[in-house]
Amino acid sequence: MITAGMTLAAAALGAGTYMFAVRQGWLRYNKYDRREEGSIRVGDYAPSLALVGYDGVPVKLGRLWAERPLVLVFGSCT
């Protein structure tokens, strides 16, 4: 008989194995995961990305932080 504890243990083992494979670079989180190990270090300037603002206008981040400090918020503002 399979108990809830055995099911939980199997799920934890599977999740741990998955995260280990991602850290080793054998798997990616999703198709958009384009991380390269060692490309940005602590203290480096952030890359000047071109993003689309909430109004649909493209914005180059390097232009914004040249004028004043820049804070990016990812998530809901509600």
Protein backbone atom coordinates (compact mmCIF):
# COMPACT_ATOMS: atom_id res chain seq x y z
CA MET A 1 0.00 0.00 0.00
CA ILE A 2 1.34 3.44 -0.95
CA THR A 3 1.11 5.95 1.86
CA ALA A 4 1.05 9.72 1.72
CA GLY A 5 4.55 9.81 3.19
CA MET A 6 5.92 7.58 0.42
CA THR A 7 4.26 9.76 -2.21
CA LEU A 8 5.68 12.91 -0.67
CA ALA A 9 9.16 11.37 -0.46
CA ALA A 10 9.02 10.33 -4.13
CA ALA A 11 7.92 13.82 -5.17
CA ALA A 12 10.72 15.43 -3.15
CA LEU A 13 13.29 13.08 -4.66
CA GLY A 14 12.03 13.84 -8.17
CA ALA A 15 12.13 17.60 -7.58
CA GLY A 16 15.63 17.37 -6.12
CA THR A 17 16.84 15.34 -9.09
CA TYR A 18 15.32 17.85 -11.52
CA MET A 19 16.95 20.84 -9.78
CA PHE A 20 20.31 19.03 -9.73
CA ALA A 21 20.07 18.42 -13.49
CA VAL A 22 19.23 22.11 -14.09
CA ARG A 23 22.21 23.27 -11.97
CA GLN A 24 24.51 20.94 -13.88
CA GLY A 25 23.29 22.40 -17.18
CA TRP A 26 21.80 19.12 -18.38
CA LEU A 27 18.29 20.62 -18.47
CA ARG A 28 16.89 24.12 -18.90
CA TYR A 29 13.94 25.62 -17.02
CA ASN A 30 12.11 26.38 -20.25
CA LYS A 31 12.78 27.18 -23.91
CA TYR A 32 13.59 30.83 -23.07
CA ASP A 33 16.35 29.98 -20.56
CA ARG A 34 19.47 31.42 -22.22
CA ARG A 35 21.76 31.78 -19.20
CA GLU A 36 25.49 31.47 -19.73
CA GLU A 37 27.64 30.66 -16.73
CA GLY A 38 29.90 33.51 -15.70
CA SER A 39 28.68 36.19 -18.12
CA ILE A 40 27.79 38.77 -15.41
CA ARG A 41 29.60 39.19 -12.11
CA VAL A 42 28.68 41.00 -8.90
CA GLY A 43 29.45 44.71 -9.29
CA ASP A 44 29.25 44.71 -13.11
CA TYR A 45 26.96 47.13 -14.86
CA ALA A 46 23.72 45.59 -16.08
CA PRO A 47 23.49 45.06 -19.83
CA SER A 48 21.69 47.78 -21.74
CA LEU A 49 18.64 45.85 -22.85
CA ALA A 50 15.95 47.04 -25.21
CA LEU A 51 12.53 46.37 -23.67
CA VAL A 52 8.98 47.34 -24.51
CA GLY A 53 7.34 49.69 -22.02
CA TYR A 54 3.80 49.32 -20.73
CA ASP A 55 2.67 51.80 -23.39
CA GLY A 56 4.21 49.71 -26.21
CA VAL A 57 7.14 52.06 -26.88
CA PRO A 58 10.60 50.41 -27.02
CA VAL A 59 12.96 51.65 -24.30
CA LYS A 60 16.73 51.15 -24.08
CA LEU A 61 17.64 50.74 -20.41
CA GLY A 62 21.10 52.29 -20.80
CA ARG A 63 19.47 55.57 -21.76
CA LEU A 64 17.33 55.56 -18.62
CA TRP A 65 20.05 54.87 -16.04
CA ALA A 66 22.33 57.48 -17.60
CA GLU A 67 19.86 60.16 -16.42
CA ARG A 68 19.09 58.92 -12.88
CA PRO A 69 19.01 55.72 -10.81
CA LEU A 70 16.81 53.02 -12.29
CA VAL A 71 14.69 50.46 -10.43
CA LEU A 72 13.05 47.58 -12.30
CA VAL A 73 9.98 45.95 -10.78
CA PHE A 74 8.92 42.59 -12.14
CA GLY A 75 5.53 41.55 -10.91
CA SER A 76 2.13 42.88 -10.12
CA CYS A 77 1.58 46.43 -8.90
CA THR A 78 -1.96 45.83 -7.67
